[in-house]
Amino acid sequence: MKTTTTPAALASIKLELGPTVTFAPAPEHFDADQILMSRAFDLVSPAIWGAADWRAPVLAVLTDADLTAAGVTLEQVTAAVEFFTATKATVVTTNAHIIRAEGYRAGPAGT
């Protein structure tokens, strides 16, 4: 079931995420699933991990504390990788979660 986020709920999310967060102009509401996907992908985005841009291969190491702090699950992160890159993420868990994916550019959407 999809849910939508009201402007009041977005204000609450902004308070939770911090004062430097800004939202792009959009229709009257954001889809809560889109917000969650973005939050999850931000943890593993190749651009965050040193690549030139988000379309590069995904290689990230996350702890359970990282996931908790972002308010997402490992399953949501892997779903976000597939949503944004059209490639499947693999996860190896030891003391942390190592997440890999071919990335947008190498996947079917990037060709």
PDB file of N, CA and C in Angstrom:
ATOM      1  N   MET A   1       0.828  -1.169   0.000  1.00  0.00           N
ATOM      2  CA  MET A   1       0.000   0.000   0.000  1.00  0.00           C
ATOM      3  C   MET A   1       0.880   1.243   0.000  1.00  0.00           C
ATOM      4  N   LYS A   2       0.617   2.136  -0.932  1.00  0.00           N
ATOM      5  CA  LYS A   2       1.357   3.378  -0.988  1.00  0.00           C
ATOM      6  C   LYS A   2       0.749   4.388  -0.030  1.00  0.00           C
ATOM      7  N   THR A   3       1.615   5.190   0.528  1.00  0.00           N
ATOM      8  CA  THR A   3       1.138   6.266   1.389  1.00  0.00           C
ATOM      9  C   THR A   3       1.673   7.572   0.842  1.00  0.00           C
ATOM     10  N   THR A   4       1.058   8.653   1.213  1.00  0.00           N
ATOM     11  CA  THR A   4       1.556   9.953   0.807  1.00  0.00           C
ATOM     12  C   THR A   4       1.968  10.725   2.040  1.00  0.00           C
ATOM     13  N   THR A   5       2.802  11.704   1.821  1.00  0.00           N
ATOM     14  CA  THR A   5       3.310  12.507   2.921  1.00  0.00           C
ATOM     15  C   THR A   5       2.775  13.919   2.790  1.00  0.00           C
ATOM     16  N   THR A   6       2.143  14.404   3.821  1.00  0.00           N
ATOM     17  CA  THR A   6       1.582  15.753   3.834  1.00  0.00           C
ATOM     18  C   THR A   6       2.684  16.768   4.090  1.00  0.00           C
ATOM     19  N   PRO A   7       2.421  18.035   3.791  1.00  0.00           N
ATOM     20  CA  PRO A   7       3.422  19.064   4.110  1.00  0.00           C
ATOM     21  C   PRO A   7       3.815  19.078   5.590  1.00  0.00           C
ATOM     22  N   ALA A   8       2.859  18.826   6.469  1.00  0.00           N
ATOM     23  CA  ALA A   8       3.184  18.800   7.908  1.00  0.00           C
ATOM     24  C   ALA A   8       4.118  17.644   8.235  1.00  0.00           C
ATOM     25  N   ALA A   9       3.877  16.484   7.614  1.00  0.00           N
ATOM     26  CA  ALA A   9       4.750  15.333   7.839  1.00  0.00           C
ATOM     27  C   ALA A   9       6.141  15.602   7.274  1.00  0.00           C
ATOM     28  N   LEU A  10       6.215  16.275   6.126  1.00  0.00           N
ATOM     29  CA  LEU A  10       7.523  16.624   5.563  1.00  0.00           C
ATOM     30  C   LEU A  10       8.293  17.550   6.498  1.00  0.00           C
ATOM     31  N   ALA A  11       7.589  18.473   7.126  1.00  0.00           N
ATOM     32  CA  ALA A  11       8.255  19.367   8.082  1.00  0.00           C
ATOM     33  C   ALA A  11       8.847  18.564   9.225  1.00  0.00           C
ATOM     34  N   SER A  12       8.133  17.547   9.668  1.00  0.00           N
ATOM     35  CA  SER A  12       8.636  16.684  10.734  1.00  0.00           C
ATOM     36  C   SER A  12       9.862  15.905  10.266  1.00  0.00           C
ATOM     37  N   ILE A  13       9.825  15.399   9.042  1.00  0.00           N
ATOM     38  CA  ILE A  13      10.963  14.668   8.475  1.00  0.00           C
ATOM     39  C   ILE A  13      12.172  15.595   8.379  1.00  0.00           C
ATOM     40  N   LYS A  14      11.936  16.822   7.937  1.00  0.00           N
ATOM     41  CA  LYS A  14      13.034  17.783   7.819  1.00  0.00           C
ATOM     42  C   LYS A  14      13.677  18.043   9.180  1.00  0.00           C
ATOM     43  N   LEU A  15      12.858  18.178  10.225  1.00  0.00           N
ATOM     44  CA  LEU A  15      13.405  18.360  11.571  1.00  0.00           C
ATOM     45  C   LEU A  15      14.254  17.172  11.978  1.00  0.00           C
ATOM     46  N   GLU A  16      13.783  15.968  11.636  1.00  0.00           N
ATOM     47  CA  GLU A  16      14.509  14.749  11.975  1.00  0.00           C
ATOM     48  C   GLU A  16      15.838  14.663  11.229  1.00  0.00           C
ATOM     49  N   LEU A  17      15.849  15.081   9.947  1.00  0.00           N
ATOM     50  CA  LEU A  17      17.059  14.952   9.128  1.00  0.00           C
ATOM     51  C   LEU A  17      18.071  16.061   9.367  1.00  0.00           C
ATOM     52  N   GLY A  18      17.624  17.204   9.858  1.00  0.00           N
ATOM     53  CA  GLY A  18      18.568  18.266  10.181  1.00  0.00           C
ATOM     54  C   GLY A  18      18.316  19.548   9.419  1.00  0.00           C
ATOM     55  N   PRO A  19      18.941  20.628   9.857  1.00  0.00           N
ATOM     56  CA  PRO A  19      18.664  21.953   9.308  1.00  0.00           C
ATOM     57  C   PRO A  19      19.207  22.186   7.901  1.00  0.00           C
ATOM     58  N   THR A  20      20.134  21.363   7.445  1.00  0.00           N
ATOM     59  CA  THR A  20      20.703  21.589   6.115  1.00  0.00           C
ATOM     60  C   THR A  20      19.904  20.925   5.003  1.00  0.00           C
ATOM     61  N   VAL A  21      18.861  20.178   5.357  1.00  0.00           N
ATOM     62  CA  VAL A  21      18.049  19.477   4.365  1.00  0.00           C
ATOM     63  C   VAL A  21      17.080  20.445   3.720  1.00  0.00           C
ATOM     64  N   THR A  22      17.013  20.402   2.395  1.00  0.00           N
ATOM     65  CA  THR A  22      16.001  21.163   1.672  1.00  0.00           C
ATOM     66  C   THR A  22      15.278  20.216   0.739  1.00  0.00           C
ATOM     67  N   PHE A  23      14.028  20.492   0.503  1.00  0.00           N
ATOM     68  CA  PHE A  23      13.235  19.678  -0.402  1.00  0.00           C
ATOM     69  C   PHE A  23      13.062  20.422  -1.713  1.00  0.00           C
ATOM     70  N   ALA A  24      13.136  19.691  -2.807  1.00  0.00           N
ATOM     71  CA  ALA A  24      12.928  20.285  -4.120  1.00  0.00           C
ATOM     72  C   ALA A  24      11.450  20.599  -4.301  1.00  0.00           C
ATOM     73  N   PRO A  25      11.150  21.609  -5.107  1.00  0.00           N
ATOM     74  CA  PRO A  25       9.746  21.903  -5.368  1.00  0.00           C
ATOM     75  C   PRO A  25       9.063  20.684  -5.989  1.00  0.00           C
ATOM     76  N   ALA A  26       7.840  20.451  -5.596  1.00  0.00           N
ATOM     77  CA  ALA A  26       7.099  19.291  -6.076  1.00  0.00           C
ATOM     78  C   ALA A  26       5.613  19.567  -5.942  1.00  0.00           C
ATOM     79  N   PRO A  27       4.810  18.627  -6.397  1.00  0.00           N
ATOM     80  CA  PRO A  27       3.378  18.792  -6.165  1.00  0.00           C
ATOM     81  C   PRO A  27       3.088  18.901  -4.673  1.00  0.00           C
ATOM     82  N   GLU A  28       1.838  18.942  -4.311  1.00  0.00           N
ATOM     83  CA  GLU A  28       1.452  19.189  -2.931  1.00  0.00           C
ATOM     84  C   GLU A  28       1.994  18.167  -1.944  1.00  0.00           C
ATOM     85  N   HIS A  29       2.363  17.002  -2.395  1.00  0.00           N
ATOM     86  CA  HIS A  29       2.865  15.990  -1.466  1.00  0.00           C
ATOM     87  C   HIS A  29       3.904  15.107  -2.154  1.00  0.00           C
ATOM     88  N   PHE A  30       4.713  14.484  -1.337  1.00  0.00           N
ATOM     89  CA  PHE A  30       5.678  13.508  -1.809  1.00  0.00           C
ATOM     90  C   PHE A  30       5.145  12.129  -1.481  1.00  0.00           C
ATOM     91  N   ASP A  31       5.517  11.166  -2.260  1.00  0.00           N
ATOM     92  CA  ASP A  31       5.178   9.788  -1.970  1.00  0.00           C
ATOM     93  C   ASP A  31       6.152   9.296  -0.900  1.00  0.00           C
ATOM     94  N   ALA A  32       5.640   8.764   0.186  1.00  0.00           N
ATOM     95  CA  ALA A  32       6.492   8.309   1.300  1.00  0.00           C
ATOM     96  C   ALA A  32       7.462   7.232   0.852  1.00  0.00           C
ATOM     97  N   ASP A  33       7.043   6.389  -0.093  1.00  0.00           N
ATOM     98  CA  ASP A  33       7.942   5.349  -0.596  1.00  0.00           C
ATOM     99  C   ASP A  33       9.147   5.960  -1.305  1.00  0.00           C
ATOM    100  N   GLN A  34       8.933   7.039  -2.044  1.00  0.00           N
ATOM    101  CA  GLN A  34      10.040   7.704  -2.735  1.00  0.00           C
ATOM    102  C   GLN A  34      11.021   8.309  -1.735  1.00  0.00           C
ATOM    103  N   ILE A  35      10.502   8.880  -0.680  1.00  0.00           N
ATOM    104  CA  ILE A  35      11.375   9.452   0.352  1.00  0.00           C
ATOM    105  C   ILE A  35      12.207   8.351   0.996  1.00  0.00           C
ATOM    106  N   LEU A  36      11.574   7.235   1.315  1.00  0.00           N
ATOM    107  CA  LEU A  36      12.281   6.113   1.928  1.00  0.00           C
ATOM    108  C   LEU A  36      13.340   5.554   0.989  1.00  0.00           C
ATOM    109  N   MET A  37      13.001   5.393  -0.291  1.00  0.00           N
ATOM    110  CA  MET A  37      13.973   4.881  -1.270  1.00  0.00           C
ATOM    111  C   MET A  37      15.174   5.820  -1.372  1.00  0.00           C
ATOM    112  N   SER A  38      14.919   7.101  -1.403  1.00  0.00           N
ATOM    113  CA  SER A  38      16.022   8.067  -1.490  1.00  0.00           C
ATOM    114  C   SER A  38      16.911   8.008  -0.259  1.00  0.00           C
ATOM    115  N   ARG A  39      16.296   7.928   0.905  1.00  0.00           N
ATOM    116  CA  ARG A  39      17.070   7.850   2.150  1.00  0.00           C
ATOM    117  C   ARG A  39      17.933   6.587   2.159  1.00  0.00           C
ATOM    118  N   ALA A  40      17.363   5.467   1.715  1.00  0.00           N
ATOM    119  CA  ALA A  40      18.106   4.207   1.687  1.00  0.00           C
ATOM    120  C   ALA A  40      19.240   4.264   0.674  1.00  0.00           C
ATOM    121  N   PHE A  41      18.975   4.784  -0.527  1.00  0.00           N
ATOM    122  CA  PHE A  41      20.020   4.827  -1.558  1.00  0.00           C
ATOM    123  C   PHE A  41      21.139   5.792  -1.193  1.00  0.00           C
ATOM    124  N   ASP A  42      20.807   6.849  -0.486  1.00  0.00           N
ATOM    125  CA  ASP A  42      21.843   7.799  -0.069  1.00  0.00           C
ATOM    126  C   ASP A  42      22.953   7.125   0.739  1.00  0.00           C
ATOM    127  N   LEU A  43      22.635   6.057   1.442  1.00  0.00           N
ATOM    128  CA  LEU A  43      23.651   5.350   2.227  1.00  0.00           C
ATOM    129  C   LEU A  43      24.682   4.650   1.360  1.00  0.00           C
ATOM    130  N   VAL A  44      24.287   4.229   0.162  1.00  0.00           N
ATOM    131  CA  VAL A  44      25.178   3.429  -0.689  1.00  0.00           C
ATOM    132  C   VAL A  44      25.494   4.093  -2.019  1.00  0.00           C
ATOM    133  N   SER A  45      24.998   5.280  -2.240  1.00  0.00           N
ATOM    134  CA  SER A  45      25.210   5.961  -3.520  1.00  0.00           C
ATOM    135  C   SER A  45      26.700   6.018  -3.846  1.00  0.00           C
ATOM    136  N   PRO A  46      27.068   5.583  -5.046  1.00  0.00           N
ATOM    137  CA  PRO A  46      28.488   5.638  -5.419  1.00  0.00           C
ATOM    138  C   PRO A  46      29.086   7.033  -5.271  1.00  0.00           C
ATOM    139  N   ALA A  47      28.293   8.070  -5.494  1.00  0.00           N
ATOM    140  CA  ALA A  47      28.807   9.437  -5.356  1.00  0.00           C
ATOM    141  C   ALA A  47      29.223   9.733  -3.923  1.00  0.00           C
ATOM    142  N   ILE A  48      28.543   9.148  -2.951  1.00  0.00           N
ATOM    143  CA  ILE A  48      28.895   9.334  -1.545  1.00  0.00           C
ATOM    144  C   ILE A  48      30.180   8.578  -1.205  1.00  0.00           C
ATOM    145  N   TRP A  49      30.381   7.442  -1.861  1.00  0.00           N
ATOM    146  CA  TRP A  49      31.526   6.572  -1.563  1.00  0.00           C
ATOM    147  C   TRP A  49      32.735   6.847  -2.455  1.00  0.00           C
ATOM    148  N   GLY A  50      32.778   8.010  -3.097  1.00  0.00           N
ATOM    149  CA  GLY A  50      33.990   8.419  -3.809  1.00  0.00           C
ATOM    150  C   GLY A  50      33.953   8.287  -5.319  1.00  0.00           C
ATOM    151  N   ALA A  51      32.890   7.793  -5.891  1.00  0.00           N
ATOM    152  CA  ALA A  51      32.800   7.689  -7.353  1.00  0.00           C
ATOM    153  C   ALA A  51      32.458   9.061  -7.931  1.00  0.00           C
ATOM    154  N   ALA A  52      32.661   9.192  -9.238  1.00  0.00           N
ATOM    155  CA  ALA A  52      32.400  10.463  -9.904  1.00  0.00           C
ATOM    156  C   ALA A  52      30.916  10.828  -9.868  1.00  0.00           C
ATOM    157  N   ASP A  53      30.041   9.834  -9.926  1.00  0.00           N
ATOM    158  CA  ASP A  53      28.606  10.106  -9.866  1.00  0.00           C
ATOM    159  C   ASP A  53      27.847   8.857  -9.426  1.00  0.00           C
ATOM    160  N   TRP A  54      26.542   8.978  -9.264  1.00  0.00           N
ATOM    161  CA  TRP A  54      25.702   7.908  -8.731  1.00  0.00           C
ATOM    162  C   TRP A  54      25.530   6.739  -9.682  1.00  0.00           C
ATOM    163  N   ARG A  55      25.897   6.883 -10.959  1.00  0.00           N
ATOM    164  CA  ARG A  55      25.694   5.807 -11.930  1.00  0.00           C
ATOM    165  C   ARG A  55      26.816   4.765 -11.921  1.00  0.00           C
ATOM    166  N   ALA A  56      27.853   4.999 -11.154  1.00  0.00           N
ATOM    167  CA  ALA A  56      28.980   4.071 -11.067  1.00  0.00           C
ATOM    168  C   ALA A  56      28.567   2.817 -10.282  1.00  0.00           C
ATOM    169  N   PRO A  57      29.411   1.786 -10.296  1.00  0.00           N
ATOM    170  CA  PRO A  57      29.103   0.596  -9.493  1.00  0.00           C
ATOM    171  C   PRO A  57      28.952   0.940  -8.010  1.00  0.00           C
ATOM    172  N   VAL A  58      28.093   0.184  -7.350  1.00  0.00           N
ATOM    173  CA  VAL A  58      27.851   0.375  -5.919  1.00  0.00           C
ATOM    174  C   VAL A  58      28.810  -0.524  -5.141  1.00  0.00           C
ATOM    175  N   LEU A  59      29.513   0.049  -4.192  1.00  0.00           N
ATOM    176  CA  LEU A  59      30.336  -0.692  -3.244  1.00  0.00           C
ATOM    177  C   LEU A  59      30.326   0.103  -1.948  1.00  0.00           C
ATOM    178  N   ALA A  60      29.598  -0.410  -0.968  1.00  0.00           N
ATOM    179  CA  ALA A  60      29.448   0.307   0.294  1.00  0.00           C
ATOM    180  C   ALA A  60      29.533  -0.676   1.450  1.00  0.00           C
ATOM    181  N   VAL A  61      29.952  -0.177   2.586  1.00  0.00           N
ATOM    182  CA  VAL A  61      30.006  -0.964   3.815  1.00  0.00           C
ATOM    183  C   VAL A  61      29.167  -0.231   4.850  1.00  0.00           C
ATOM    184  N   LEU A  62      28.136  -0.921   5.338  1.00  0.00           N
ATOM    185  CA  LEU A  62      27.232  -0.331   6.319  1.00  0.00           C
ATOM    186  C   LEU A  62      27.164  -1.191   7.565  1.00  0.00           C
ATOM    187  N   THR A  63      27.015  -0.552   8.685  1.00  0.00           N
ATOM    188  CA  THR A  63      26.789  -1.276   9.940  1.00  0.00           C
ATOM    189  C   THR A  63      25.296  -1.215  10.273  1.00  0.00           C
ATOM    190  N   ASP A  64      24.898  -2.027  11.229  1.00  0.00           N
ATOM    191  CA  ASP A  64      23.519  -1.946  11.700  1.00  0.00           C
ATOM    192  C   ASP A  64      23.233  -0.558  12.267  1.00  0.00           C
ATOM    193  N   ALA A  65      24.228   0.050  12.885  1.00  0.00           N
ATOM    194  CA  ALA A  65      24.056   1.398  13.432  1.00  0.00           C
ATOM    195  C   ALA A  65      23.791   2.414  12.314  1.00  0.00           C
ATOM    196  N   ASP A  66      24.465   2.253  11.166  1.00  0.00           N
ATOM    197  CA  ASP A  66      24.218   3.139  10.020  1.00  0.00           C
ATOM    198  C   ASP A  66      22.765   3.031   9.561  1.00  0.00           C
ATOM    199  N   LEU A  67      22.289   1.799   9.478  1.00  0.00           N
ATOM    200  CA  LEU A  67      20.911   1.569   9.035  1.00  0.00           C
ATOM    201  C   LEU A  67      19.918   2.165  10.028  1.00  0.00           C
ATOM    202  N   THR A  68      20.162   1.934  11.302  1.00  0.00           N
ATOM    203  CA  THR A  68      19.278   2.458  12.337  1.00  0.00           C
ATOM    204  C   THR A  68      19.254   3.983  12.314  1.00  0.00           C
ATOM    205  N   ALA A  69      20.420   4.588  12.179  1.00  0.00           N
ATOM    206  CA  ALA A  69      20.499   6.051  12.160  1.00  0.00           C
ATOM    207  C   ALA A  69      19.732   6.645  10.975  1.00  0.00           C
ATOM    208  N   ALA A  70      19.727   5.939   9.852  1.00  0.00           N
ATOM    209  CA  ALA A  70      19.018   6.412   8.664  1.00  0.00           C
ATOM    210  C   ALA A  70      17.541   6.037   8.690  1.00  0.00           C
ATOM    211  N   GLY A  71      17.166   5.156   9.602  1.00  0.00           N
ATOM    212  CA  GLY A  71      15.774   4.744   9.692  1.00  0.00           C
ATOM    213  C   GLY A  71      15.339   3.804   8.590  1.00  0.00           C
ATOM    214  N   VAL A  72      16.284   2.992   8.089  1.00  0.00           N
ATOM    215  CA  VAL A  72      15.970   2.050   7.016  1.00  0.00           C
ATOM    216  C   VAL A  72      16.490   0.665   7.377  1.00  0.00           C
ATOM    217  N   THR A  73      16.006  -0.336   6.662  1.00  0.00           N
ATOM    218  CA  THR A  73      16.482  -1.705   6.841  1.00  0.00           C
ATOM    219  C   THR A  73      17.414  -2.072   5.696  1.00  0.00           C
ATOM    220  N   LEU A  74      18.135  -3.154   5.874  1.00  0.00           N
ATOM    221  CA  LEU A  74      19.009  -3.645   4.807  1.00  0.00           C
ATOM    222  C   LEU A  74      18.184  -4.005   3.576  1.00  0.00           C
ATOM    223  N   GLU A  75      17.013  -4.570   3.783  1.00  0.00           N
ATOM    224  CA  GLU A  75      16.139  -4.925   2.663  1.00  0.00           C
ATOM    225  C   GLU A  75      15.707  -3.679   1.893  1.00  0.00           C
ATOM    226  N   GLN A  76      15.455  -2.597   2.593  1.00  0.00           N
ATOM    227  CA  GLN A  76      15.089  -1.348   1.922  1.00  0.00           C
ATOM    228  C   GLN A  76      16.267  -0.776   1.132  1.00  0.00           C
ATOM    229  N   VAL A  77      17.478  -0.948   1.647  1.00  0.00           N
ATOM    230  CA  VAL A  77      18.662  -0.485   0.923  1.00  0.00           C
ATOM    231  C   VAL A  77      18.830  -1.277  -0.372  1.00  0.00           C
ATOM    232  N   THR A  78      18.705  -2.602  -0.304  1.00  0.00           N
ATOM    233  CA  THR A  78      18.874  -3.392  -1.526  1.00  0.00           C
ATOM    234  C   THR A  78      17.744  -3.102  -2.519  1.00  0.00           C
ATOM    235  N   ALA A  79      16.535  -2.859  -2.024  1.00  0.00           N
ATOM    236  CA  ALA A  79      15.432  -2.487  -2.920  1.00  0.00           C
ATOM    237  C   ALA A  79      15.705  -1.134  -3.577  1.00  0.00           C
ATOM    238  N   ALA A  80      16.286  -0.216  -2.823  1.00  0.00           N
ATOM    239  CA  ALA A  80      16.606   1.106  -3.371  1.00  0.00           C
ATOM    240  C   ALA A  80      17.696   1.007  -4.439  1.00  0.00           C
ATOM    241  N   VAL A  81      18.679   0.146  -4.219  1.00  0.00           N
ATOM    242  CA  VAL A  81      19.720  -0.051  -5.235  1.00  0.00           C
ATOM    243  C   VAL A  81      19.077  -0.531  -6.533  1.00  0.00           C
ATOM    244  N   GLU A  82      18.199  -1.505  -6.435  1.00  0.00           N
ATOM    245  CA  GLU A  82      17.536  -2.006  -7.639  1.00  0.00           C
ATOM    246  C   GLU A  82      16.649  -0.932  -8.273  1.00  0.00           C
ATOM    247  N   PHE A  83      15.960  -0.158  -7.453  1.00  0.00           N
ATOM    248  CA  PHE A  83      15.077   0.895  -7.952  1.00  0.00           C
ATOM    249  C   PHE A  83      15.857   1.966  -8.708  1.00  0.00           C
ATOM    250  N   PHE A  84      16.982   2.426  -8.145  1.00  0.00           N
ATOM    251  CA  PHE A  84      17.728   3.519  -8.756  1.00  0.00           C
ATOM    252  C   PHE A  84      18.705   3.075  -9.839  1.00  0.00           C
ATOM    253  N   THR A  85      19.202   1.847  -9.775  1.00  0.00           N
ATOM    254  CA  THR A  85      20.237   1.435 -10.730  1.00  0.00           C
ATOM    255  C   THR A  85      19.780   0.382 -11.723  1.00  0.00           C
ATOM    256  N   ALA A  86      18.656  -0.254 -11.479  1.00  0.00           N
ATOM    257  CA  ALA A  86      18.155  -1.363 -12.307  1.00  0.00           C
ATOM    258  C   ALA A  86      19.123  -2.542 -12.296  1.00  0.00           C
ATOM    259  N   THR A  87      19.925  -2.649 -11.230  1.00  0.00           N
ATOM    260  CA  THR A  87      20.805  -3.803 -11.046  1.00  0.00           C
ATOM    261  C   THR A  87      20.566  -4.371  -9.655  1.00  0.00           C
ATOM    262  N   LYS A  88      20.806  -5.658  -9.521  1.00  0.00           N
ATOM    263  CA  LYS A  88      20.565  -6.341  -8.245  1.00  0.00           C
ATOM    264  C   LYS A  88      21.766  -6.178  -7.325  1.00  0.00           C
ATOM    265  N   ALA A  89      21.481  -5.864  -6.077  1.00  0.00           N
ATOM    266  CA  ALA A  89      22.533  -5.739  -5.074  1.00  0.00           C
ATOM    267  C   ALA A  89      22.802  -7.090  -4.438  1.00  0.00           C
ATOM    268  N   THR A  90      24.059  -7.351  -4.169  1.00  0.00           N
ATOM    269  CA  THR A  90      24.429  -8.517  -3.370  1.00  0.00           C
ATOM    270  C   THR A  90      24.965  -8.004  -2.041  1.00  0.00           C
ATOM    271  N   VAL A  91      24.702  -8.780  -1.003  1.00  0.00           N
ATOM    272  CA  VAL A  91      25.119  -8.372   0.337  1.00  0.00           C
ATOM    273  C   VAL A  91      25.889  -9.512   0.973  1.00  0.00           C
ATOM    274  N   VAL A  92      27.054  -9.192   1.509  1.00  0.00           N
ATOM    275  CA  VAL A  92      27.824 -10.128   2.322  1.00  0.00           C
ATOM    276  C   VAL A  92      27.889  -9.509   3.711  1.00  0.00           C
ATOM    277  N   THR A  93      27.436 -10.265   4.701  1.00  0.00           N
ATOM    278  CA  THR A  93      27.411  -9.745   6.061  1.00  0.00           C
ATOM    279  C   THR A  93      28.416 -10.495   6.915  1.00  0.00           C
ATOM    280  N   THR A  94      29.311  -9.734   7.506  1.00  0.00           N
ATOM    281  CA  THR A  94      30.241 -10.256   8.511  1.00  0.00           C
ATOM    282  C   THR A  94      29.997  -9.410   9.759  1.00  0.00           C
ATOM    283  N   ASN A  95      30.947  -8.551  10.111  1.00  0.00           N
ATOM    284  CA  ASN A  95      30.713  -7.583  11.186  1.00  0.00           C
ATOM    285  C   ASN A  95      29.933  -6.383  10.672  1.00  0.00           C
ATOM    286  N   ALA A  96      29.880  -6.246   9.359  1.00  0.00           N
ATOM    287  CA  ALA A  96      29.147  -5.165   8.703  1.00  0.00           C
ATOM    288  C   ALA A  96      28.527  -5.750   7.433  1.00  0.00           C
ATOM    289  N   HIS A  97      27.794  -4.937   6.719  1.00  0.00           N
ATOM    290  CA  HIS A  97      27.152  -5.372   5.479  1.00  0.00           C
ATOM    291  C   HIS A  97      27.910  -4.761   4.303  1.00  0.00           C
ATOM    292  N   ILE A  98      28.448  -5.611   3.450  1.00  0.00           N
ATOM    293  CA  ILE A  98      29.133  -5.153   2.250  1.00  0.00           C
ATOM    294  C   ILE A  98      28.125  -5.278   1.108  1.00  0.00           C
ATOM    295  N   ILE A  99      27.792  -4.151   0.495  1.00  0.00           N
ATOM    296  CA  ILE A  99      26.769  -4.103  -0.540  1.00  0.00           C
ATOM    297  C   ILE A  99      27.429  -3.758  -1.859  1.00  0.00           C
ATOM    298  N   ARG A 100      27.159  -4.604  -2.864  1.00  0.00           N
ATOM    299  CA  ARG A 100      27.721  -4.401  -4.204  1.00  0.00           C
ATOM    300  C   ARG A 100      26.621  -4.513  -5.244  1.00  0.00           C
ATOM    301  N   ALA A 101      26.778  -3.736  -6.315  1.00  0.00           N
ATOM    302  CA  ALA A 101      25.903  -3.843  -7.483  1.00  0.00           C
ATOM    303  C   ALA A 101      26.656  -3.282  -8.682  1.00  0.00           C
ATOM    304  N   GLU A 102      26.268  -3.741  -9.852  1.00  0.00           N
ATOM    305  CA  GLU A 102      26.934  -3.281 -11.084  1.00  0.00           C
ATOM    306  C   GLU A 102      26.773  -1.784 -11.287  1.00  0.00           C
ATOM    307  N   GLY A 103      25.674  -1.247 -10.838  1.00  0.00           N
ATOM    308  CA  GLY A 103      25.424   0.183 -10.980  1.00  0.00           C
ATOM    309  C   GLY A 103      24.663   0.503 -12.245  1.00  0.00           C
ATOM    310  N   TYR A 104      24.074   1.658 -12.247  1.00  0.00           N
ATOM    311  CA  TYR A 104      23.191   2.101 -13.339  1.00  0.00           C
ATOM    312  C   TYR A 104      23.881   2.023 -14.701  1.00  0.00           C
ATOM    313  N   ARG A 105      25.084   2.583 -14.790  1.00  0.00           N
ATOM    314  CA  ARG A 105      25.778   2.669 -16.071  1.00  0.00           C
ATOM    315  C   ARG A 105      26.049   1.294 -16.675  1.00  0.00           C
ATOM    316  N   ALA A 106      26.350   0.292 -15.840  1.00  0.00           N
ATOM    317  CA  ALA A 106      26.661  -1.046 -16.337  1.00  0.00           C
ATOM    318  C   ALA A 106      25.417  -1.919 -16.484  1.00  0.00           C
ATOM    319  N   GLY A 107      24.293  -1.470 -15.972  1.00  0.00           N
ATOM    320  CA  GLY A 107      23.071  -2.264 -16.015  1.00  0.00           C
ATOM    321  C   GLY A 107      22.265  -2.008 -17.284  1.00  0.00           C
ATOM    322  N   PRO A 108      21.096  -2.611 -17.367  1.00  0.00           N
ATOM    323  CA  PRO A 108      20.277  -2.513 -18.567  1.00  0.00           C
ATOM    324  C   PRO A 108      19.762  -1.093 -18.840  1.00  0.00           C
ATOM    325  N   ALA A 109      19.604  -0.282 -17.816  1.00  0.00           N
ATOM    326  CA  ALA A 109      19.095   1.071 -18.018  1.00  0.00           C
ATOM    327  C   ALA A 109      20.183   2.013 -18.539  1.00  0.00           C
ATOM    328  N   GLY A 110      21.438   1.680 -18.293  1.00  0.00           N
ATOM    329  CA  GLY A 110      22.529   2.569 -18.672  1.00  0.00           C
ATOM    330  C   GLY A 110      23.082   2.335 -20.068  1.00  0.00           C
ATOM    331  N   THR A 111      22.557   1.337 -20.750  1.00  0.00           N
ATOM    332  CA  THR A 111      23.095   1.042 -22.094  1.00  0.00           C
ATOM    333  C   THR A 111      22.193   1.538 -23.175  1.00  0.00           C
TER     334      THR A 111
END
